[in-house]
Amino acid sequence: MKKTVIIIILSMFVFSCSNRKNRKNEITLFAASSVTNVAQEISRNFEKETGIKIKLNIASSGILARQIESGADFDYYISANKKWMDYINSLNLVEKATIENLATNRLVAIVPLGNNKKSKKEEVENNLPDLFAGRLSIGDPKHVPAGKYAMQAIKFYGWEKDLADRYLPAKNVRDALLMVEMGEAEMGIVYETDAMKSEKVNIIYRFPNTACEVIAYVGATKKERSESLNSFLLYLQSDDVKSIWRTNGFKLDEYE
């Protein structure tokens, strides 16, 4: 009996050491849906360069924040909205000293590719609700930053009354784009970077930066940092990562 207990204890010790060793060579990255391509490229390049594997968890910034609040295991969090990062920081769940702006984006209005209607800038600004029938596809403003920014832009132009009850809210910005690609909505408001990569929509209007808050992507680490995570932080400052952001249409400065 005594021998069996010793074997069990030794087995648990070996398993625990193995687990710690594996964790040293692995990072869990929580990233907003709108940076899917960037996160995937960064992960591939970082793993190739260091041998450290990155596990990706892609969802809307709000959903990711709620997961972290509920105790989800993460190493680095990229939010498409500073308010969600501030919320997580207020719960003391990220290392405050590591919070930084990573890149910026902007909003665009899109229509399905088959819609060849061309509108002048003045027509969109003065009359967007009358340029399409049916519903407007946006991220759900309750937890999707792109949706919150879209509502700010709608209010900026005074379209709230004409668009009331015409919203088609999506669980993330990629789904908002998909609804327009599939023709489920005649128009949508999404991030420029997502629209640029789609071959199924046309951009009919680019919103000025003044139409909503600065669309900044904010990153931060969890409280306890491993050597692997420290290496990842250094990598995020590299020219390789800056090139990935720019190639995917993001700006590294709001005025760039």
Protein backbone atom coordinates (compact mmCIF):
# COMPACT_ATOMS: atom_id res chain seq x y z
CA MET A 1 0.00 0.00 0.00
CA LYS A 2 2.79 2.37 1.00
CA LYS A 3 4.65 1.56 -2.23
CA THR A 4 1.52 2.33 -4.29
CA VAL A 5 1.09 5.74 -2.62
CA ILE A 6 4.72 6.63 -3.36
CA ILE A 7 4.27 5.67 -7.04
CA ILE A 8 1.14 7.82 -7.30
CA ILE A 9 2.90 10.81 -5.72
CA LEU A 10 5.90 10.43 -8.04
CA SER A 11 3.58 10.15 -11.06
CA MET A 12 1.78 13.35 -10.06
CA PHE A 13 5.12 15.14 -9.64
CA VAL A 14 6.34 14.04 -13.07
CA PHE A 15 3.01 15.07 -14.66
CA SER A 16 3.18 18.46 -12.94
CA CYS A 17 6.75 19.06 -14.15
CA SER A 18 5.78 17.99 -17.66
CA ASN A 19 2.82 20.36 -17.58
CA ARG A 20 5.03 23.29 -16.51
CA LYS A 21 7.56 22.43 -19.19
CA ASN A 22 4.84 22.37 -21.86
CA ARG A 23 3.43 25.68 -20.63
CA LYS A 24 6.87 27.28 -20.94
CA ASN A 25 6.77 26.50 -24.66
CA GLU A 26 3.20 27.62 -25.21
CA ILE A 27 1.32 30.94 -25.16
CA THR A 28 -2.43 31.46 -25.25
CA LEU A 29 -3.38 34.53 -27.28
CA PHE A 30 -6.88 35.99 -26.94
CA ALA A 31 -7.51 38.20 -30.00
CA ALA A 32 -10.45 40.25 -31.28
CA SER A 33 -12.14 38.84 -34.40
CA SER A 34 -11.08 41.78 -36.55
CA VAL A 35 -7.39 40.93 -36.07
CA THR A 36 -7.77 37.24 -37.00
CA ASN A 37 -5.37 37.40 -39.95
CA VAL A 38 -2.82 39.45 -38.02
CA ALA A 39 -2.95 37.09 -35.03
CA GLN A 40 -2.55 34.05 -37.26
CA GLU A 41 0.46 35.50 -39.08
CA ILE A 42 2.12 36.65 -35.87
CA SER A 43 1.56 33.21 -34.35
CA ARG A 44 3.05 31.35 -37.32
CA ASN A 45 6.10 33.58 -37.58
CA PHE A 46 6.76 33.61 -33.82
CA GLU A 47 6.51 29.83 -33.57
CA LYS A 48 8.84 29.40 -36.55
CA GLU A 49 11.36 31.81 -35.05
CA THR A 50 11.28 30.61 -31.42
CA GLY A 51 9.69 27.17 -31.37
CA ILE A 52 7.12 28.50 -28.89
CA LYS A 53 3.59 27.48 -29.86
CA ILE A 54 0.72 29.99 -29.70
CA LYS A 55 -2.84 28.82 -29.03
CA LEU A 56 -5.37 31.23 -30.51
CA ASN A 57 -8.75 32.12 -29.07
CA ILE A 58 -10.61 34.38 -31.52
CA ALA A 59 -13.88 36.11 -30.58
CA SER A 60 -15.34 39.57 -30.05
CA SER A 61 -13.44 41.72 -27.55
CA GLY A 62 -16.37 41.67 -25.13
CA ILE A 63 -16.74 37.90 -25.15
CA LEU A 64 -12.99 37.48 -24.58
CA ALA A 65 -13.10 39.96 -21.70
CA ARG A 66 -15.95 38.04 -20.08
CA GLN A 67 -14.04 34.80 -20.50
CA ILE A 68 -11.00 36.32 -18.77
CA GLU A 69 -13.25 37.67 -16.01
CA SER A 70 -14.63 34.14 -15.55
CA GLY A 71 -11.15 32.72 -15.06
CA ALA A 72 -10.16 31.62 -18.57
CA ASP A 73 -6.46 30.88 -18.93
CA PHE A 74 -4.74 33.41 -21.21
CA ASP A 75 -1.31 34.96 -21.67
CA TYR A 76 -1.95 37.95 -23.94
CA TYR A 77 -5.18 39.79 -24.81
CA ILE A 78 -5.77 42.01 -27.85
CA SER A 79 -8.93 44.09 -27.61
CA ALA A 80 -10.47 46.17 -30.39
CA ASN A 81 -11.78 48.55 -27.78
CA LYS A 82 -9.91 50.32 -24.97
CA LYS A 83 -12.96 50.19 -22.71
CA TRP A 84 -12.88 46.39 -22.53
CA MET A 85 -9.19 46.52 -21.69
CA ASP A 86 -9.89 49.15 -19.02
CA TYR A 87 -12.59 46.86 -17.63
CA ILE A 88 -10.24 43.88 -17.37
CA ASN A 89 -7.57 46.11 -15.86
CA SER A 90 -10.05 47.38 -13.26
CA LEU A 91 -10.45 43.75 -12.15
CA ASN A 92 -6.67 43.51 -11.78
CA LEU A 93 -6.50 40.70 -14.36
CA VAL A 94 -3.82 42.15 -16.66
CA GLU A 95 -0.37 43.59 -16.01
CA LYS A 96 -1.03 47.34 -16.19
CA ALA A 97 2.55 48.17 -17.19
CA THR A 98 2.16 46.11 -20.40
CA ILE A 99 -1.01 47.81 -21.69
CA GLU A 100 -0.22 49.45 -25.04
CA ASN A 101 -1.82 50.62 -28.25
CA LEU A 102 -0.89 48.24 -31.07
CA ALA A 103 -2.62 49.64 -34.17
CA THR A 104 -5.63 51.59 -35.43
CA ASN A 105 -8.45 51.01 -37.91
CA ARG A 106 -11.43 52.85 -39.41
CA LEU A 107 -15.07 52.20 -40.33
CA VAL A 108 -16.47 51.78 -43.83
CA ALA A 109 -19.93 51.31 -45.30
CA ILE A 110 -20.21 48.29 -47.60
CA VAL A 111 -22.70 46.76 -50.04
CA PRO A 112 -22.76 43.34 -51.74
CA LEU A 113 -20.51 43.05 -54.78
CA GLY A 114 -23.50 42.69 -57.12
CA ASN A 115 -24.77 46.08 -56.02
CA ASN A 116 -23.21 48.46 -58.54
CA LYS A 117 -24.90 51.54 -57.14
CA LYS A 118 -22.31 54.26 -56.75
CA SER A 119 -22.99 57.05 -54.32
CA LYS A 120 -21.18 60.30 -53.91
CA LYS A 121 -19.71 61.14 -50.54
CA GLU A 122 -22.30 63.87 -49.96
CA GLU A 123 -25.17 61.47 -50.73
CA VAL A 124 -23.97 58.97 -48.15
CA GLU A 125 -23.43 61.56 -45.46
CA ASN A 126 -26.76 63.28 -46.04
CA ASN A 127 -28.92 60.30 -46.92
CA LEU A 128 -27.40 56.90 -46.08
CA PRO A 129 -30.63 55.37 -44.62
CA ASP A 130 -32.42 56.04 -47.92
CA LEU A 131 -29.69 54.43 -50.04
CA PHE A 132 -30.78 50.88 -49.18
CA ALA A 133 -33.85 48.90 -48.17
CA GLY A 134 -34.09 46.43 -45.32
CA ARG A 135 -31.59 46.08 -42.50
CA LEU A 136 -28.10 47.38 -41.75
CA SER A 137 -25.54 44.77 -40.72
CA ILE A 138 -23.35 45.80 -37.77
CA GLY A 139 -21.63 44.12 -34.85
CA ASP A 140 -23.87 43.79 -31.80
CA PRO A 141 -23.24 47.08 -29.95
CA LYS A 142 -23.74 45.34 -26.60
CA HIS A 143 -20.41 43.53 -26.76
CA VAL A 144 -18.82 44.08 -30.20
CA PRO A 145 -16.57 47.17 -30.45
CA ALA A 146 -17.23 47.54 -34.20
CA GLY A 147 -20.94 47.79 -33.39
CA LYS A 148 -20.32 50.44 -30.75
CA TYR A 149 -18.22 52.47 -33.17
CA ALA A 150 -20.90 52.06 -35.85
CA MET A 151 -23.56 53.42 -33.48
CA GLN A 152 -21.32 56.39 -32.67
CA ALA A 153 -20.97 57.13 -36.39
CA ILE A 154 -24.73 56.78 -36.91
CA LYS A 155 -25.34 59.25 -34.11
CA PHE A 156 -22.63 61.56 -35.48
CA TYR A 157 -24.57 61.89 -38.77
CA GLY A 158 -28.01 61.95 -37.12
CA TRP A 159 -29.26 58.72 -38.71
CA GLU A 160 -30.66 57.15 -35.51
CA LYS A 161 -34.34 57.84 -36.22
CA ASP A 162 -34.26 56.63 -39.83
CA LEU A 163 -32.34 53.46 -38.92
CA ALA A 164 -34.35 52.56 -35.82
CA ASP A 165 -35.43 48.88 -35.91
CA ARG A 166 -33.38 48.27 -39.05
CA TYR A 167 -30.24 46.83 -37.45
CA LEU A 168 -29.04 43.29 -38.05
CA PRO A 169 -26.64 42.76 -35.09
CA ALA A 170 -23.90 40.14 -35.43
CA LYS A 171 -21.86 38.34 -32.76
CA ASN A 172 -18.64 39.80 -34.20
CA VAL A 173 -17.51 42.08 -37.03
CA ARG A 174 -16.60 39.16 -39.30
CA ASP A 175 -20.19 37.91 -39.12
CA ALA A 176 -21.45 41.43 -39.87
CA LEU A 177 -19.33 41.35 -43.01
CA LEU A 178 -20.59 37.87 -43.87
CA MET A 179 -24.23 39.00 -43.77
CA VAL A 180 -23.47 41.54 -46.50
CA GLU A 181 -21.38 39.07 -48.50
CA MET A 182 -24.31 36.62 -48.48
CA GLY A 183 -26.80 39.32 -49.43
CA GLU A 184 -28.69 38.96 -46.16
CA ALA A 185 -28.25 42.71 -45.69
CA GLU A 186 -28.02 45.34 -48.40
CA MET A 187 -25.54 47.42 -46.44
CA GLY A 188 -23.21 47.08 -43.49
CA ILE A 189 -20.77 49.08 -41.40
CA VAL A 190 -17.54 47.20 -40.64
CA TYR A 191 -13.82 47.76 -40.29
CA GLU A 192 -11.93 48.81 -43.40
CA THR A 193 -9.35 46.04 -42.92
CA ASP A 194 -12.02 43.32 -43.08
CA ALA A 195 -13.78 44.86 -46.06
CA MET A 196 -10.50 45.23 -47.98
CA LYS A 197 -9.86 41.49 -47.82
CA SER A 198 -13.34 40.52 -49.00
CA GLU A 199 -13.94 39.83 -52.68
CA LYS A 200 -17.70 39.91 -52.19
CA VAL A 201 -18.37 43.50 -51.10
CA ASN A 202 -17.80 47.02 -52.35
CA ILE A 203 -16.75 49.87 -50.07
CA ILE A 204 -19.01 52.85 -50.79
CA TYR A 205 -17.89 55.15 -47.99
CA ARG A 206 -14.97 55.55 -45.61
CA PHE A 207 -15.95 57.21 -42.36
CA PRO A 208 -13.67 60.01 -41.15
CA ASN A 209 -11.82 59.47 -37.87
CA THR A 210 -13.99 62.18 -36.30
CA ALA A 211 -17.18 60.10 -36.75
CA CYS A 212 -16.35 57.88 -33.77
CA GLU A 213 -13.74 57.24 -31.10
CA VAL A 214 -10.27 56.37 -32.31
CA ILE A 215 -10.44 52.68 -33.22
CA ALA A 216 -7.40 51.49 -31.34
CA TYR A 217 -6.32 47.90 -30.73
CA VAL A 218 -4.95 47.51 -27.23
CA GLY A 219 -2.87 44.62 -25.91
CA ALA A 220 -1.74 43.46 -22.47
CA THR A 221 -0.38 40.39 -20.69
CA LYS A 222 -1.73 38.49 -17.72
CA LYS A 223 -0.25 39.15 -14.30
CA GLU A 224 2.32 36.35 -14.17
CA ARG A 225 4.75 36.44 -17.09
CA SER A 226 6.79 33.46 -18.23
CA GLU A 227 10.03 33.64 -20.22
CA SER A 228 8.04 32.64 -23.31
CA LEU A 229 5.61 35.51 -22.78
CA ASN A 230 8.47 37.97 -22.30
CA SER A 231 9.92 36.76 -25.61
CA PHE A 232 6.53 37.32 -27.22
CA LEU A 233 6.39 40.89 -25.88
CA LEU A 234 9.76 41.64 -27.45
CA TYR A 235 8.63 40.10 -30.72
CA LEU A 236 5.57 42.37 -30.82
CA GLN A 237 7.95 45.33 -31.09
CA SER A 238 9.82 43.89 -34.09
CA ASP A 239 9.76 45.22 -37.64
CA ASP A 240 8.29 41.87 -38.71
CA VAL A 241 5.17 42.43 -36.60
CA LYS A 242 4.88 46.07 -37.71
CA SER A 243 4.97 44.87 -41.30
CA ILE A 244 2.21 42.32 -40.60
CA TRP A 245 -0.08 45.02 -39.19
CA ARG A 246 0.53 47.33 -42.15
CA THR A 247 0.19 44.60 -44.78
CA ASN A 248 -3.23 43.78 -43.36
CA GLY A 249 -4.35 47.39 -43.72
CA PHE A 250 -3.93 48.60 -40.14
CA LYS A 251 -2.21 51.82 -39.15
CA LEU A 252 0.40 52.01 -36.43
CA ASP A 253 -0.56 55.58 -35.68
CA GLU A 254 -4.03 57.11 -35.86
CA TYR A 255 -2.71 59.85 -38.16
CA GLU A 256 -0.55 57.58 -40.33
